[in-house]
Amino acid sequence: MIKRIISLMRKDIIGATRDNFMIYIFIAPILLAIMLRMFMPAIENVSISFAVSSEVDIQIIEKLKSYGTVYLFKNEQEVSNRVNRVDDVPGILQKDEQIVVIFEGNENKEVKEIATVIVENIVADTDEAEYLTEILGTKKSLLREYSIIIMFIMFTGFAGLFIGFFIVDEKETGSIRALWVSPMRMIDLIVSRSIFALIVQIFNIFIAAFIIIGTGINYLILLSGILCCSFSGIILGFIVGAFADNQISAITYMKFINFAYITIPIASIFIPNKWHFLLYPFPNYWMFQVFSGIVIDATPKYPLIVSGSIVLLSTLIIGLILLKPIKRKLTLV
């Protein structure tokens, strides 16, 4: 059995390297990760800027200019409006003889530290001035983290594309019939394609995590999360391969399936927690919980072992339910 599986995997690898579309599917997640990294640059690549009220002492304004870009505003309200925008710009006000540093609350930790140190140094040179900090908001924006999580879930589905298009290609060329009259068994096909898809999932997600997060993530825990969530993408691939007759129909299937695959996790971000029980039956909701616990530096809503076990168990149940219909469709080709 092992020799048959290795032989089929070798055949798949050779076939993938000869198909431009397969190559694109393989590198697309890496390109997507690079694009996300470019649009969400690290703090070390961003210069510090300040939104400063014109009421602040002119000497302090001049000293702030030596540290970064200064945007002058007429009053406190205009400064607050500027701070509340999507970028990380702290505000500087002067109330009586006191300098006040204001933050929206969702800035990078480095921005808060740098701005505070700069104001502290400036105030230290001014005998009569004091400073304090205020947070305008209390909820941290998780746009970057949520984008990474959704991307990881997408990549588990991308790996399923390999399975689907391998099977569709075999159906179009008629080579799948030769497999059934050879010593190859259905279990060999399932295992070999599943291992191939799992390797692709691990590779894509690890590369993407390294590009975007670097060493700021536990890759061993990430690997365990991928192993728990991998079967969902694998099952999608077999569904597409079994029910699609050609590559055009396979792409159509993937569009509809991926839409549902990503919609549930995205919806869970906006739906109030009290209604989340409606999403419990969907494995991709629990996939979101798994990757949330890994990516977001906070106590997860559910323990990783719980959400990971639910994903694994639910996808295995779905796989067993669909095994007979998929086998029937493939053997009738």
C-alpha atoms as a PDB file:
ATOM      1  CA  MET A   1       0.000   0.000   0.000  1.00  0.00           C
ATOM      2  CA  ILE A   2       2.792   2.421   0.904  1.00  0.00           C
ATOM      3  CA  LYS A   3       4.494   1.851  -2.447  1.00  0.00           C
ATOM      4  CA  ARG A   4       1.229   2.533  -4.289  1.00  0.00           C
ATOM      5  CA  ILE A   5       0.680   5.742  -2.316  1.00  0.00           C
ATOM      6  CA  ILE A   6       4.231   6.981  -2.961  1.00  0.00           C
ATOM      7  CA  SER A   7       3.891   6.112  -6.645  1.00  0.00           C
ATOM      8  CA  LEU A   8       0.640   8.079  -6.939  1.00  0.00           C
ATOM      9  CA  MET A   9       2.116  11.065  -5.061  1.00  0.00           C
ATOM     10  CA  ARG A  10       5.137  11.067  -7.386  1.00  0.00           C
ATOM     11  CA  LYS A  11       2.753  11.072 -10.361  1.00  0.00           C
ATOM     12  CA  ASP A  12       0.792  13.992  -8.864  1.00  0.00           C
ATOM     13  CA  ILE A  13       3.938  16.050  -8.254  1.00  0.00           C
ATOM     14  CA  ILE A  14       5.126  15.550 -11.819  1.00  0.00           C
ATOM     15  CA  GLY A  15       1.679  16.423 -13.151  1.00  0.00           C
ATOM     16  CA  ALA A  16       1.473  19.560 -11.013  1.00  0.00           C
ATOM     17  CA  THR A  17       4.820  20.882 -12.277  1.00  0.00           C
ATOM     18  CA  ARG A  18       3.631  20.533 -15.882  1.00  0.00           C
ATOM     19  CA  ASP A  19       0.322  22.353 -15.386  1.00  0.00           C
ATOM     20  CA  ASN A  20       0.556  26.150 -15.262  1.00  0.00           C
ATOM     21  CA  PHE A  21      -2.767  26.414 -13.444  1.00  0.00           C
ATOM     22  CA  MET A  22      -1.542  24.046 -10.724  1.00  0.00           C
ATOM     23  CA  ILE A  23       1.638  26.076 -10.350  1.00  0.00           C
ATOM     24  CA  TYR A  24      -0.459  29.215  -9.986  1.00  0.00           C
ATOM     25  CA  ILE A  25      -2.594  27.582  -7.275  1.00  0.00           C
ATOM     26  CA  PHE A  26       0.604  26.674  -5.433  1.00  0.00           C
ATOM     27  CA  ILE A  27       2.213  30.128  -5.533  1.00  0.00           C
ATOM     28  CA  ALA A  28      -0.983  32.225  -5.239  1.00  0.00           C
ATOM     29  CA  PRO A  29      -1.118  31.942  -1.408  1.00  0.00           C
ATOM     30  CA  ILE A  30       2.496  33.115  -1.159  1.00  0.00           C
ATOM     31  CA  LEU A  31       1.778  36.097  -3.413  1.00  0.00           C
ATOM     32  CA  LEU A  32      -1.300  36.912  -1.330  1.00  0.00           C
ATOM     33  CA  ALA A  33       0.776  36.835   1.861  1.00  0.00           C
ATOM     34  CA  ILE A  34       3.355  39.186   0.328  1.00  0.00           C
ATOM     35  CA  MET A  35       0.610  41.599  -0.721  1.00  0.00           C
ATOM     36  CA  LEU A  36      -0.905  41.550   2.764  1.00  0.00           C
ATOM     37  CA  ARG A  37       2.527  42.185   4.258  1.00  0.00           C
ATOM     38  CA  MET A  38       3.059  45.149   1.928  1.00  0.00           C
ATOM     39  CA  PHE A  39      -0.270  46.758   2.816  1.00  0.00           C
ATOM     40  CA  MET A  40       0.272  46.228   6.549  1.00  0.00           C
ATOM     41  CA  PRO A  41       3.880  47.321   7.063  1.00  0.00           C
ATOM     42  CA  ALA A  42       5.717  46.814  10.323  1.00  0.00           C
ATOM     43  CA  ILE A  43       6.115  49.722  12.690  1.00  0.00           C
ATOM     44  CA  GLU A  44       9.847  49.934  12.079  1.00  0.00           C
ATOM     45  CA  ASN A  45       9.089  51.013   8.499  1.00  0.00           C
ATOM     46  CA  VAL A  46       6.722  53.811   9.543  1.00  0.00           C
ATOM     47  CA  SER A  47       7.842  57.231  10.769  1.00  0.00           C
ATOM     48  CA  ILE A  48       6.192  58.694  13.856  1.00  0.00           C
ATOM     49  CA  SER A  49       3.664  61.475  13.340  1.00  0.00           C
ATOM     50  CA  PHE A  50       1.780  63.711  15.787  1.00  0.00           C
ATOM     51  CA  ALA A  51      -1.580  65.461  15.637  1.00  0.00           C
ATOM     52  CA  VAL A  52      -0.939  68.622  17.648  1.00  0.00           C
ATOM     53  CA  SER A  53      -3.316  71.316  18.811  1.00  0.00           C
ATOM     54  CA  SER A  54      -2.263  74.885  17.949  1.00  0.00           C
ATOM     55  CA  GLU A  55      -2.820  75.694  21.639  1.00  0.00           C
ATOM     56  CA  VAL A  56       0.334  73.746  22.529  1.00  0.00           C
ATOM     57  CA  ASP A  57       3.369  75.851  23.411  1.00  0.00           C
ATOM     58  CA  ILE A  58       5.352  76.746  20.284  1.00  0.00           C
ATOM     59  CA  GLN A  59       8.607  75.484  21.837  1.00  0.00           C
ATOM     60  CA  ILE A  60       7.113  72.027  22.372  1.00  0.00           C
ATOM     61  CA  ILE A  61       5.774  71.984  18.795  1.00  0.00           C
ATOM     62  CA  GLU A  62       9.234  72.799  17.427  1.00  0.00           C
ATOM     63  CA  LYS A  63      10.791  70.017  19.497  1.00  0.00           C
ATOM     64  CA  LEU A  64       8.151  67.541  18.254  1.00  0.00           C
ATOM     65  CA  LYS A  65       9.113  68.425  14.671  1.00  0.00           C
ATOM     66  CA  SER A  66      12.646  67.210  15.358  1.00  0.00           C
ATOM     67  CA  TYR A  67      11.244  63.740  16.137  1.00  0.00           C
ATOM     68  CA  GLY A  68       8.709  63.324  13.352  1.00  0.00           C
ATOM     69  CA  THR A  69       5.918  64.850  11.278  1.00  0.00           C
ATOM     70  CA  VAL A  70       3.636  67.325  13.043  1.00  0.00           C
ATOM     71  CA  TYR A  71       0.063  67.984  11.904  1.00  0.00           C
ATOM     72  CA  LEU A  72      -1.338  71.187  13.424  1.00  0.00           C
ATOM     73  CA  PHE A  73      -5.041  71.502  14.254  1.00  0.00           C
ATOM     74  CA  LYS A  74      -7.097  74.353  15.649  1.00  0.00           C
ATOM     75  CA  ASN A  75      -8.580  72.690  18.695  1.00  0.00           C
ATOM     76  CA  GLU A  76      -8.951  69.503  20.745  1.00  0.00           C
ATOM     77  CA  GLN A  77     -11.887  68.197  18.697  1.00  0.00           C
ATOM     78  CA  GLU A  78      -9.940  68.313  15.436  1.00  0.00           C
ATOM     79  CA  VAL A  79      -6.992  66.567  17.085  1.00  0.00           C
ATOM     80  CA  SER A  80      -9.323  63.831  18.401  1.00  0.00           C
ATOM     81  CA  ASN A  81     -10.844  63.363  14.946  1.00  0.00           C
ATOM     82  CA  ARG A  82      -7.362  62.906  13.463  1.00  0.00           C
ATOM     83  CA  VAL A  83      -6.321  60.421  16.153  1.00  0.00           C
ATOM     84  CA  ASN A  84      -9.463  58.355  15.548  1.00  0.00           C
ATOM     85  CA  ARG A  85      -8.559  57.708  11.918  1.00  0.00           C
ATOM     86  CA  VAL A  86      -7.266  54.300  10.809  1.00  0.00           C
ATOM     87  CA  ASP A  87      -3.536  55.040  11.015  1.00  0.00           C
ATOM     88  CA  ASP A  88      -1.417  55.259  14.185  1.00  0.00           C
ATOM     89  CA  VAL A  89      -1.077  58.986  14.959  1.00  0.00           C
ATOM     90  CA  PRO A  90      -1.067  60.078  18.626  1.00  0.00           C
ATOM     91  CA  GLY A  91      -2.470  63.463  19.596  1.00  0.00           C
ATOM     92  CA  ILE A  92      -0.810  66.186  21.657  1.00  0.00           C
ATOM     93  CA  LEU A  93      -2.901  68.681  23.634  1.00  0.00           C
ATOM     94  CA  GLN A  94      -2.158  71.301  26.271  1.00  0.00           C
ATOM     95  CA  LYS A  95      -4.624  71.738  29.103  1.00  0.00           C
ATOM     96  CA  ASP A  96      -3.618  74.541  31.447  1.00  0.00           C
ATOM     97  CA  GLU A  97       0.090  73.875  31.962  1.00  0.00           C
ATOM     98  CA  GLN A  98      -0.149  70.123  31.337  1.00  0.00           C
ATOM     99  CA  ILE A  99       0.736  68.263  28.123  1.00  0.00           C
ATOM    100  CA  VAL A 100      -1.755  65.511  27.304  1.00  0.00           C
ATOM    101  CA  VAL A 101      -0.948  62.633  24.933  1.00  0.00           C
ATOM    102  CA  ILE A 102      -4.070  60.974  23.515  1.00  0.00           C
ATOM    103  CA  PHE A 103      -4.394  57.629  21.731  1.00  0.00           C
ATOM    104  CA  GLU A 104      -7.270  55.945  19.970  1.00  0.00           C
ATOM    105  CA  GLY A 105      -6.499  52.689  21.785  1.00  0.00           C
ATOM    106  CA  ASN A 106      -5.784  50.402  18.833  1.00  0.00           C
ATOM    107  CA  GLU A 107      -2.287  51.623  17.997  1.00  0.00           C
ATOM    108  CA  ASN A 108       0.725  49.356  17.853  1.00  0.00           C
ATOM    109  CA  LYS A 109       2.467  48.975  21.184  1.00  0.00           C
ATOM    110  CA  GLU A 110       5.626  50.503  19.719  1.00  0.00           C
ATOM    111  CA  VAL A 111       3.790  53.669  18.658  1.00  0.00           C
ATOM    112  CA  LYS A 112       2.491  54.242  22.180  1.00  0.00           C
ATOM    113  CA  GLU A 113       5.899  53.644  23.713  1.00  0.00           C
ATOM    114  CA  ILE A 114       7.766  55.870  21.244  1.00  0.00           C
ATOM    115  CA  ALA A 115       5.269  58.735  21.523  1.00  0.00           C
ATOM    116  CA  THR A 116       5.302  58.570  25.316  1.00  0.00           C
ATOM    117  CA  VAL A 117       9.104  58.546  25.485  1.00  0.00           C
ATOM    118  CA  ILE A 118       9.361  61.495  23.075  1.00  0.00           C
ATOM    119  CA  VAL A 119       6.907  63.617  25.053  1.00  0.00           C
ATOM    120  CA  GLU A 120       8.594  62.608  28.294  1.00  0.00           C
ATOM    121  CA  ASN A 121      11.954  63.775  26.947  1.00  0.00           C
ATOM    122  CA  ILE A 122      10.498  67.064  25.729  1.00  0.00           C
ATOM    123  CA  VAL A 123       8.723  67.719  29.022  1.00  0.00           C
ATOM    124  CA  ALA A 124      11.909  66.890  30.943  1.00  0.00           C
ATOM    125  CA  ASP A 125      13.577  69.879  29.238  1.00  0.00           C
ATOM    126  CA  THR A 126      10.696  72.176  30.213  1.00  0.00           C
ATOM    127  CA  ASP A 127      10.701  73.114  33.877  1.00  0.00           C
ATOM    128  CA  GLU A 128       7.050  74.025  34.200  1.00  0.00           C
ATOM    129  CA  ALA A 129       5.364  71.404  31.969  1.00  0.00           C
ATOM    130  CA  GLU A 130       3.835  68.052  32.909  1.00  0.00           C
ATOM    131  CA  TYR A 131       2.197  65.355  30.759  1.00  0.00           C
ATOM    132  CA  LEU A 132      -0.325  62.541  30.978  1.00  0.00           C
ATOM    133  CA  THR A 133      -1.838  60.042  28.517  1.00  0.00           C
ATOM    134  CA  GLU A 134      -5.460  59.398  27.586  1.00  0.00           C
ATOM    135  CA  ILE A 135      -7.020  56.530  25.572  1.00  0.00           C
ATOM    136  CA  LEU A 136      -9.978  57.638  23.464  1.00  0.00           C
ATOM    137  CA  GLY A 137     -11.106  54.063  22.795  1.00  0.00           C
ATOM    138  CA  THR A 138     -10.726  50.819  24.707  1.00  0.00           C
ATOM    139  CA  LYS A 139     -11.256  48.208  21.999  1.00  0.00           C
ATOM    140  CA  LYS A 140      -8.200  47.167  20.012  1.00  0.00           C
ATOM    141  CA  SER A 141      -8.636  46.863  16.258  1.00  0.00           C
ATOM    142  CA  LEU A 142      -7.893  43.322  15.103  1.00  0.00           C
ATOM    143  CA  LEU A 143      -8.049  43.956  11.353  1.00  0.00           C
ATOM    144  CA  ARG A 144      -4.531  42.640  10.790  1.00  0.00           C
ATOM    145  CA  GLU A 145      -5.064  39.540  12.919  1.00  0.00           C
ATOM    146  CA  TYR A 146      -8.454  38.764  11.376  1.00  0.00           C
ATOM    147  CA  SER A 147      -6.981  39.133   7.884  1.00  0.00           C
ATOM    148  CA  ILE A 148      -4.269  36.610   8.735  1.00  0.00           C
ATOM    149  CA  ILE A 149      -6.797  34.149  10.189  1.00  0.00           C
ATOM    150  CA  ILE A 150      -9.091  34.354   7.148  1.00  0.00           C
ATOM    151  CA  MET A 151      -6.063  33.905   4.917  1.00  0.00           C
ATOM    152  CA  PHE A 152      -5.038  30.727   6.780  1.00  0.00           C
ATOM    153  CA  ILE A 153      -8.553  29.323   6.363  1.00  0.00           C
ATOM    154  CA  MET A 154      -8.456  30.169   2.643  1.00  0.00           C
ATOM    155  CA  PHE A 155      -5.161  28.325   2.268  1.00  0.00           C
ATOM    156  CA  THR A 156      -6.631  25.117   3.671  1.00  0.00           C
ATOM    157  CA  GLY A 157      -9.228  25.379   0.901  1.00  0.00           C
ATOM    158  CA  PHE A 158      -6.619  26.203  -1.753  1.00  0.00           C
ATOM    159  CA  ALA A 159      -4.878  22.906  -1.007  1.00  0.00           C
ATOM    160  CA  GLY A 160      -8.145  21.125  -1.769  1.00  0.00           C
ATOM    161  CA  LEU A 161      -7.971  22.612  -5.257  1.00  0.00           C
ATOM    162  CA  PHE A 162      -5.056  20.306  -6.017  1.00  0.00           C
ATOM    163  CA  ILE A 163      -7.124  17.242  -5.163  1.00  0.00           C
ATOM    164  CA  GLY A 164     -10.127  18.469  -7.138  1.00  0.00           C
ATOM    165  CA  PHE A 165      -8.192  19.386 -10.260  1.00  0.00           C
ATOM    166  CA  PHE A 166      -6.049  16.247 -10.178  1.00  0.00           C
ATOM    167  CA  ILE A 167      -9.214  14.123 -10.228  1.00  0.00           C
ATOM    168  CA  VAL A 168     -10.920  16.284 -12.862  1.00  0.00           C
ATOM    169  CA  ASP A 169      -7.836  16.072 -15.088  1.00  0.00           C
ATOM    170  CA  GLU A 170      -7.827  12.281 -14.726  1.00  0.00           C
ATOM    171  CA  LYS A 171     -11.521  12.150 -15.570  1.00  0.00           C
ATOM    172  CA  GLU A 172     -11.023  14.294 -18.693  1.00  0.00           C
ATOM    173  CA  THR A 173      -8.070  12.239 -19.943  1.00  0.00           C
ATOM    174  CA  GLY A 174      -9.632   8.924 -18.968  1.00  0.00           C
ATOM    175  CA  SER A 175      -6.615   7.931 -16.892  1.00  0.00           C
ATOM    176  CA  ILE A 176      -8.793   7.440 -13.815  1.00  0.00           C
ATOM    177  CA  ARG A 177     -10.274   4.334 -15.453  1.00  0.00           C
ATOM    178  CA  ALA A 178      -6.781   2.901 -15.713  1.00  0.00           C
ATOM    179  CA  LEU A 179      -6.355   3.424 -11.980  1.00  0.00           C
ATOM    180  CA  TRP A 180      -9.389   1.305 -11.169  1.00  0.00           C
ATOM    181  CA  VAL A 181      -8.186  -1.643 -13.287  1.00  0.00           C
ATOM    182  CA  SER A 182      -4.716  -1.406 -11.721  1.00  0.00           C
ATOM    183  CA  PRO A 183      -3.794  -2.663  -8.213  1.00  0.00           C
ATOM    184  CA  MET A 184      -4.614   0.855  -6.975  1.00  0.00           C
ATOM    185  CA  ARG A 185      -7.521   0.988  -4.514  1.00  0.00           C
ATOM    186  CA  MET A 186      -9.813   3.840  -3.502  1.00  0.00           C
ATOM    187  CA  ILE A 187      -8.151   4.095  -0.086  1.00  0.00           C
ATOM    188  CA  ASP A 188      -4.765   4.546  -1.812  1.00  0.00           C
ATOM    189  CA  LEU A 189      -6.145   7.448  -3.833  1.00  0.00           C
ATOM    190  CA  ILE A 190      -7.692   9.106  -0.769  1.00  0.00           C
ATOM    191  CA  VAL A 191      -4.586   8.738   1.405  1.00  0.00           C
ATOM    192  CA  SER A 192      -2.082   9.854  -1.246  1.00  0.00           C
ATOM    193  CA  ARG A 193      -4.105  12.911  -2.284  1.00  0.00           C
ATOM    194  CA  SER A 194      -4.789  13.817   1.360  1.00  0.00           C
ATOM    195  CA  ILE A 195      -1.093  13.667   2.257  1.00  0.00           C
ATOM    196  CA  PHE A 196      -0.221  15.786  -0.785  1.00  0.00           C
ATOM    197  CA  ALA A 197      -2.855  18.400   0.139  1.00  0.00           C
ATOM    198  CA  LEU A 198      -1.688  18.419   3.774  1.00  0.00           C
ATOM    199  CA  ILE A 199       1.902  19.102   2.709  1.00  0.00           C
ATOM    200  CA  VAL A 200       0.701  21.983   0.530  1.00  0.00           C
ATOM    201  CA  GLN A 201      -1.369  23.392   3.410  1.00  0.00           C
ATOM    202  CA  ILE A 202       1.538  23.284   5.865  1.00  0.00           C
ATOM    203  CA  PHE A 203       3.941  24.790   3.348  1.00  0.00           C
ATOM    204  CA  ASN A 204       1.653  27.659   2.313  1.00  0.00           C
ATOM    205  CA  ILE A 205       0.529  28.582   5.821  1.00  0.00           C
ATOM    206  CA  PHE A 206       4.037  28.376   7.292  1.00  0.00           C
ATOM    207  CA  ILE A 207       5.493  30.522   4.514  1.00  0.00           C
ATOM    208  CA  ALA A 208       2.650  33.053   4.856  1.00  0.00           C
ATOM    209  CA  ALA A 209       3.052  33.169   8.644  1.00  0.00           C
ATOM    210  CA  PHE A 210       6.787  33.745   8.314  1.00  0.00           C
ATOM    211  CA  ILE A 211       6.290  36.518   5.745  1.00  0.00           C
ATOM    212  CA  ILE A 212       3.668  38.384   7.768  1.00  0.00           C
ATOM    213  CA  ILE A 213       4.354  37.506  11.407  1.00  0.00           C
ATOM    214  CA  GLY A 214       7.949  36.280  11.392  1.00  0.00           C
ATOM    215  CA  THR A 215       8.977  34.714  14.686  1.00  0.00           C
ATOM    216  CA  GLY A 216       6.032  36.200  16.583  1.00  0.00           C
ATOM    217  CA  ILE A 217       4.053  32.953  16.493  1.00  0.00           C
ATOM    218  CA  ASN A 218       4.469  29.468  17.925  1.00  0.00           C
ATOM    219  CA  TYR A 219       4.919  27.318  14.819  1.00  0.00           C
ATOM    220  CA  LEU A 220       4.476  24.053  16.707  1.00  0.00           C
ATOM    221  CA  ILE A 221       1.031  25.145  17.880  1.00  0.00           C
ATOM    222  CA  LEU A 222       0.318  26.456  14.377  1.00  0.00           C
ATOM    223  CA  LEU A 223       1.180  23.016  12.991  1.00  0.00           C
ATOM    224  CA  SER A 224      -1.252  21.357  15.393  1.00  0.00           C
ATOM    225  CA  GLY A 225      -3.949  23.824  14.293  1.00  0.00           C
ATOM    226  CA  ILE A 226      -3.306  23.025  10.616  1.00  0.00           C
ATOM    227  CA  LEU A 227      -3.540  19.288  11.302  1.00  0.00           C
ATOM    228  CA  CYS A 228      -6.918  19.788  12.978  1.00  0.00           C
ATOM    229  CA  CYS A 229      -8.283  21.978  10.180  1.00  0.00           C
ATOM    230  CA  SER A 230      -6.708  20.272   7.175  1.00  0.00           C
ATOM    231  CA  PHE A 231      -9.469  17.732   6.549  1.00  0.00           C
ATOM    232  CA  SER A 232     -12.016  20.418   5.684  1.00  0.00           C
ATOM    233  CA  GLY A 233     -10.020  21.538   2.646  1.00  0.00           C
ATOM    234  CA  ILE A 234      -9.287  17.939   1.699  1.00  0.00           C
ATOM    235  CA  ILE A 235     -12.986  17.043   1.753  1.00  0.00           C
ATOM    236  CA  LEU A 236     -13.776  20.077  -0.418  1.00  0.00           C
ATOM    237  CA  GLY A 237     -11.222  18.874  -2.944  1.00  0.00           C
ATOM    238  CA  PHE A 238     -12.764  15.418  -3.197  1.00  0.00           C
ATOM    239  CA  ILE A 239     -16.251  16.919  -3.552  1.00  0.00           C
ATOM    240  CA  VAL A 240     -15.107  19.081  -6.464  1.00  0.00           C
ATOM    241  CA  GLY A 241     -13.208  16.216  -8.060  1.00  0.00           C
ATOM    242  CA  ALA A 242     -16.128  13.801  -7.782  1.00  0.00           C
ATOM    243  CA  PHE A 243     -18.946  16.044  -9.002  1.00  0.00           C
ATOM    244  CA  ALA A 244     -17.179  18.283 -11.544  1.00  0.00           C
ATOM    245  CA  ASP A 245     -16.873  16.911 -15.085  1.00  0.00           C
ATOM    246  CA  ASN A 246     -14.288  19.383 -16.384  1.00  0.00           C
ATOM    247  CA  GLN A 247     -12.064  22.235 -15.207  1.00  0.00           C
ATOM    248  CA  ILE A 248     -14.667  24.899 -15.993  1.00  0.00           C
ATOM    249  CA  SER A 249     -17.270  23.218 -13.806  1.00  0.00           C
ATOM    250  CA  ALA A 250     -14.588  22.587 -11.174  1.00  0.00           C
ATOM    251  CA  ILE A 251     -13.861  26.329 -11.003  1.00  0.00           C
ATOM    252  CA  THR A 252     -17.592  27.018 -10.695  1.00  0.00           C
ATOM    253  CA  TYR A 253     -17.897  24.545  -7.828  1.00  0.00           C
ATOM    254  CA  MET A 254     -14.908  26.097  -6.076  1.00  0.00           C
ATOM    255  CA  LYS A 255     -16.380  29.608  -6.354  1.00  0.00           C
ATOM    256  CA  PHE A 256     -19.586  28.613  -4.595  1.00  0.00           C
ATOM    257  CA  ILE A 257     -17.891  26.367  -2.036  1.00  0.00           C
ATOM    258  CA  ASN A 258     -15.176  28.896  -1.174  1.00  0.00           C
ATOM    259  CA  PHE A 259     -17.801  31.599  -0.747  1.00  0.00           C
ATOM    260  CA  ALA A 260     -19.534  29.529   1.943  1.00  0.00           C
ATOM    261  CA  TYR A 261     -16.162  28.399   3.283  1.00  0.00           C
ATOM    262  CA  ILE A 262     -15.055  31.973   4.014  1.00  0.00           C
ATOM    263  CA  THR A 263     -18.425  33.612   4.714  1.00  0.00           C
ATOM    264  CA  ILE A 264     -19.068  31.818   8.011  1.00  0.00           C
ATOM    265  CA  PRO A 265     -15.733  32.837   9.605  1.00  0.00           C
ATOM    266  CA  ILE A 266     -16.139  36.429   8.423  1.00  0.00           C
ATOM    267  CA  ALA A 267     -19.731  36.534   9.693  1.00  0.00           C
ATOM    268  CA  SER A 268     -18.590  35.351  13.127  1.00  0.00           C
ATOM    269  CA  ILE A 269     -16.545  38.563  13.449  1.00  0.00           C
ATOM    270  CA  PHE A 270     -19.615  40.784  13.151  1.00  0.00           C
ATOM    271  CA  ILE A 271     -22.342  38.640  14.686  1.00  0.00           C
ATOM    272  CA  PRO A 272     -22.820  39.321  18.436  1.00  0.00           C
ATOM    273  CA  ASN A 273     -21.504  36.564  20.693  1.00  0.00           C
ATOM    274  CA  LYS A 274     -24.981  35.706  21.955  1.00  0.00           C
ATOM    275  CA  TRP A 275     -25.902  34.503  18.437  1.00  0.00           C
ATOM    276  CA  HIS A 276     -22.752  32.475  17.824  1.00  0.00           C
ATOM    277  CA  PHE A 277     -24.539  29.267  18.786  1.00  0.00           C
ATOM    278  CA  LEU A 278     -26.186  29.438  15.343  1.00  0.00           C
ATOM    279  CA  LEU A 279     -22.741  28.919  13.804  1.00  0.00           C
ATOM    280  CA  TYR A 280     -21.748  25.968  15.970  1.00  0.00           C
ATOM    281  CA  PRO A 281     -22.777  23.318  13.387  1.00  0.00           C
ATOM    282  CA  PHE A 282     -20.276  24.695  10.822  1.00  0.00           C
ATOM    283  CA  PRO A 283     -16.710  23.310  10.998  1.00  0.00           C
ATOM    284  CA  ASN A 284     -15.265  26.487   9.470  1.00  0.00           C
ATOM    285  CA  TYR A 285     -16.600  28.485  12.444  1.00  0.00           C
ATOM    286  CA  TRP A 286     -14.469  26.309  14.712  1.00  0.00           C
ATOM    287  CA  MET A 287     -11.543  26.665  12.325  1.00  0.00           C
ATOM    288  CA  PHE A 288     -11.771  30.391  12.895  1.00  0.00           C
ATOM    289  CA  GLN A 289     -11.688  29.785  16.645  1.00  0.00           C
ATOM    290  CA  VAL A 290      -8.621  27.554  16.295  1.00  0.00           C
ATOM    291  CA  PHE A 291      -6.587  30.079  14.308  1.00  0.00           C
ATOM    292  CA  SER A 292      -7.860  32.951  16.494  1.00  0.00           C
ATOM    293  CA  GLY A 293      -6.383  31.261  19.542  1.00  0.00           C
ATOM    294  CA  ILE A 294      -3.067  30.873  17.724  1.00  0.00           C
ATOM    295  CA  VAL A 295      -2.739  34.249  15.990  1.00  0.00           C
ATOM    296  CA  ILE A 296      -4.348  36.673  18.442  1.00  0.00           C
ATOM    297  CA  ASP A 297      -2.299  37.262  21.567  1.00  0.00           C
ATOM    298  CA  ALA A 298      -5.196  36.859  23.965  1.00  0.00           C
ATOM    299  CA  THR A 299      -7.080  34.190  25.870  1.00  0.00           C
ATOM    300  CA  PRO A 300      -9.072  32.310  23.211  1.00  0.00           C
ATOM    301  CA  LYS A 301     -12.831  32.212  23.447  1.00  0.00           C
ATOM    302  CA  TYR A 302     -12.628  28.415  23.530  1.00  0.00           C
ATOM    303  CA  PRO A 303      -9.585  26.322  24.548  1.00  0.00           C
ATOM    304  CA  LEU A 304      -7.618  25.265  21.480  1.00  0.00           C
ATOM    305  CA  ILE A 305      -8.000  21.601  22.330  1.00  0.00           C
ATOM    306  CA  VAL A 306     -11.796  22.020  22.381  1.00  0.00           C
ATOM    307  CA  SER A 307     -12.169  23.968  19.133  1.00  0.00           C
ATOM    308  CA  GLY A 308      -9.544  21.821  17.403  1.00  0.00           C
ATOM    309  CA  SER A 309     -11.257  18.604  18.464  1.00  0.00           C
ATOM    310  CA  ILE A 310     -14.636  19.874  17.245  1.00  0.00           C
ATOM    311  CA  VAL A 311     -13.176  20.772  13.838  1.00  0.00           C
ATOM    312  CA  LEU A 312     -11.473  17.413  13.496  1.00  0.00           C
ATOM    313  CA  LEU A 313     -14.471  15.396  14.646  1.00  0.00           C
ATOM    314  CA  SER A 314     -17.054  17.294  12.582  1.00  0.00           C
ATOM    315  CA  THR A 315     -15.012  17.136   9.362  1.00  0.00           C
ATOM    316  CA  LEU A 316     -14.358  13.424   9.845  1.00  0.00           C
ATOM    317  CA  ILE A 317     -18.087  12.826  10.272  1.00  0.00           C
ATOM    318  CA  ILE A 318     -18.841  14.827   7.109  1.00  0.00           C
ATOM    319  CA  GLY A 319     -16.130  12.892   5.282  1.00  0.00           C
ATOM    320  CA  LEU A 320     -17.593   9.540   6.301  1.00  0.00           C
ATOM    321  CA  ILE A 321     -21.073  10.655   5.211  1.00  0.00           C
ATOM    322  CA  LEU A 322     -19.782  11.775   1.809  1.00  0.00           C
ATOM    323  CA  LEU A 323     -17.420   8.836   1.286  1.00  0.00           C
ATOM    324  CA  LYS A 324     -19.971   6.585  -0.424  1.00  0.00           C
ATOM    325  CA  PRO A 325     -21.377   9.262  -2.814  1.00  0.00           C
ATOM    326  CA  ILE A 326     -17.845  10.335  -3.760  1.00  0.00           C
ATOM    327  CA  LYS A 327     -16.717   6.756  -4.284  1.00  0.00           C
ATOM    328  CA  ARG A 328     -19.805   6.055  -6.372  1.00  0.00           C
ATOM    329  CA  LYS A 329     -19.228   9.082  -8.594  1.00  0.00           C
ATOM    330  CA  LEU A 330     -15.559   8.221  -9.160  1.00  0.00           C
ATOM    331  CA  THR A 331     -16.039   4.528  -9.849  1.00  0.00           C
ATOM    332  CA  LEU A 332     -18.811   5.234 -12.370  1.00  0.00           C
ATOM    333  CA  VAL A 333     -16.530   7.440 -14.465  1.00  0.00           C
END
